[in-house]
Protein backbone atom coordinates (compact mmCIF):
# COMPACT_ATOMS: atom_id res chain seq x y z
CA MET A 1 -5.30 18.90 3.43
CA THR A 2 -2.89 19.24 0.53
CA ALA A 3 0.47 20.91 0.98
CA HIS A 4 2.00 22.67 -2.01
CA MET A 5 5.51 23.77 -2.85
CA GLU A 6 6.41 26.59 -5.22
CA ILE A 7 8.99 25.32 -7.70
CA SER A 8 10.59 27.69 -10.17
CA ALA A 9 11.28 26.43 -13.66
CA PRO A 10 14.56 27.45 -15.34
CA THR A 11 12.94 27.12 -18.79
CA ALA A 12 9.43 27.54 -20.14
CA PRO A 13 7.06 25.23 -18.26
CA PRO A 14 4.91 22.66 -20.07
CA ALA A 15 1.41 23.60 -21.19
CA GLY A 16 -1.04 23.97 -18.34
CA CYS A 17 1.53 25.20 -15.81
CA ALA A 18 1.76 28.68 -14.37
CA SER A 19 4.29 30.89 -16.11
CA ARG A 20 6.23 31.67 -12.92
CA GLY A 21 6.46 28.15 -11.52
CA ILE A 22 4.73 24.87 -10.92
CA ARG A 23 2.81 24.22 -7.73
CA LEU A 24 3.24 20.60 -6.69
CA SER A 25 1.94 18.77 -3.67
CA LYS A 26 4.42 16.86 -1.52
CA LEU A 27 3.04 13.64 -2.99
CA GLN A 28 3.55 14.84 -6.57
CA LYS A 29 7.10 15.99 -5.80
CA PHE A 30 7.86 12.62 -4.16
CA MET A 31 6.51 10.76 -7.19
CA LEU A 32 8.62 12.74 -9.66
CA ASP A 33 11.78 12.53 -7.54
CA LYS A 34 11.40 8.77 -6.97
CA ALA A 35 10.65 8.13 -10.66
CA ARG A 36 13.80 10.09 -11.60
CA GLU A 37 15.83 8.16 -9.04
CA ASN A 38 14.55 4.79 -10.31
CA ARG A 39 15.27 5.73 -13.91
CA ALA A 40 18.81 6.81 -13.01
CA ASN A 41 19.44 3.63 -10.98
CA GLU A 42 18.32 1.52 -13.94
CA GLY A 43 20.49 3.52 -16.35
CA ARG A 44 17.61 4.46 -18.65
CA THR A 45 17.06 7.70 -20.51
CA CYS A 46 13.82 9.34 -21.58
CA ASP A 47 14.22 7.61 -24.99
CA GLN A 48 14.33 4.13 -23.43
CA HIS A 49 11.04 3.01 -21.95
CA GLY A 50 11.66 -0.42 -20.39
CA GLY A 51 8.64 -0.31 -18.09
CA ALA A 52 7.43 2.13 -15.51
CA ASP A 53 9.71 4.56 -13.71
CA LEU A 54 7.53 4.33 -10.61
CA TYR A 55 4.90 1.86 -9.40
CA THR A 56 1.99 2.51 -7.06
CA TRP A 57 3.40 0.18 -4.40
CA GLU A 58 6.62 2.23 -4.27
CA VAL A 59 4.61 5.32 -3.36
CA LEU A 60 2.54 3.38 -0.82
CA ALA A 61 5.74 2.20 0.88
CA GLY A 62 7.98 5.24 0.41
CA PHE A 63 5.56 8.11 0.93
CA TYR A 64 2.83 6.61 3.11
CA GLY A 65 5.03 4.16 5.05
CA PHE A 66 3.10 0.94 4.40
CA GLU A 67 5.15 -2.20 4.92
CA ALA A 68 6.55 -3.53 1.65
CA ARG A 69 7.94 -6.98 0.92
CA GLN A 70 11.54 -6.80 -0.17
CA PRO A 71 12.46 -8.39 -3.51
CA LYS A 72 14.67 -11.46 -3.26
CA ASP A 73 16.58 -10.93 -6.50
CA GLY A 74 17.32 -7.22 -6.11
CA GLN A 75 15.01 -6.31 -9.00
CA ARG A 76 12.28 -3.74 -8.61
CA PRO A 77 9.07 -5.81 -8.71
CA LEU A 78 6.01 -4.69 -10.62
CA HIS A 79 3.27 -5.23 -8.07
CA GLY A 80 1.95 -6.98 -5.00
CA ASN A 81 4.54 -5.63 -2.65
CA VAL A 82 2.48 -3.90 0.04
CA ARG A 83 1.11 -6.07 2.81
CA ARG A 84 -2.66 -5.68 3.09
CA THR A 85 -4.34 -6.62 6.33
CA SER A 86 -7.83 -6.12 7.65
CA HIS A 87 -6.43 -3.23 9.69
CA ASN A 88 -4.81 -1.26 6.88
CA ALA A 89 -6.90 -2.12 3.80
CA ALA A 90 -9.10 0.99 4.02
CA HIS A 91 -6.06 3.24 4.53
CA ILE A 92 -4.35 1.69 1.51
CA ARG A 93 -7.44 2.27 -0.65
CA CYS A 94 -7.50 5.95 0.39
CA ALA A 95 -3.79 6.30 -0.36
CA GLU A 96 -4.25 4.62 -3.77
CA ALA A 97 -6.99 7.12 -4.58
CA ALA A 98 -4.70 10.03 -3.66
CA ILE A 99 -1.90 8.54 -5.78
CA SER A 100 -4.28 8.17 -8.71
CA ARG A 101 -5.38 11.81 -8.43
CA ALA A 102 -1.76 13.00 -8.17
CA ALA A 103 -0.79 10.93 -11.22
CA ARG A 104 -3.74 12.30 -13.20
CA ARG A 105 -2.73 15.88 -12.40
CA LEU A 106 0.92 15.24 -13.29
CA GLU A 107 -0.22 13.66 -16.55
CA GLU A 108 -2.42 16.69 -17.32
CA ARG A 109 0.69 18.88 -16.90
CA GLY A 110 2.64 16.70 -19.34
CA LEU A 111 5.15 15.49 -16.75
CA ILE A 112 4.26 11.78 -16.71
CA VAL A 113 2.42 9.15 -18.71
CA ARG A 114 0.43 6.57 -16.79
CA CYS A 115 0.99 2.95 -17.78
CA GLY A 116 -0.15 -0.42 -16.50
CA GLY A 117 -3.57 -1.76 -15.76
CA THR A 118 -4.75 -2.56 -12.27
CA SER A 119 -4.04 -0.34 -9.30
CA LYS A 120 -1.67 -2.97 -7.90
CA SER A 121 0.61 -2.85 -10.94
CA ALA A 122 -0.10 0.63 -12.28
CA GLY A 123 2.92 2.75 -12.88
CA VAL A 124 4.07 6.01 -14.41
CA ARG A 125 6.81 6.99 -16.83
CA LEU A 126 8.44 10.38 -16.89
CA THR A 127 8.03 12.42 -20.03
CA SER A 128 10.91 14.25 -21.61
CA ALA A 129 9.53 17.47 -20.08
CA ALA A 130 10.07 16.10 -16.56
CA ALA A 131 13.23 14.10 -17.20
CA VAL A 132 15.23 16.37 -19.47
CA LYS A 133 14.37 19.89 -18.34
CA ASN A 134 15.06 18.94 -14.73
CA MET A 135 12.61 21.69 -13.90
CA LEU A 136 11.69 20.41 -10.46
CA THR A 137 14.96 20.91 -8.64
CA VAL A 138 14.82 23.44 -5.84
């Protein structure tokens, strides 16, 4: 079951998006909002890359509620932050698959670029279409 929100764009939407608005799932909206928040907290612009704006573990913890280890130095770690147990491993794999599909669809719309390698450290960076146009505010 995938919930969608109708979001109106103040300017022309990127290629592949409906002309009247972009339909995003709650997961996709969370990913874009959190990536924007992380970028703002780190003081980066769309011209400065400096790593991913959002990592898979942040979505697992923030959207799905899996327990995350807190960083000791205050920095946003790259990976390995969600506690896997024999009880939650299958649920985490399902959530990672959903995150991967959401990221692929956002990338197809030109809103993010996927970066990183393994699923534990994979991340996404906002494109200028998502960061500058601020087209996803309600």
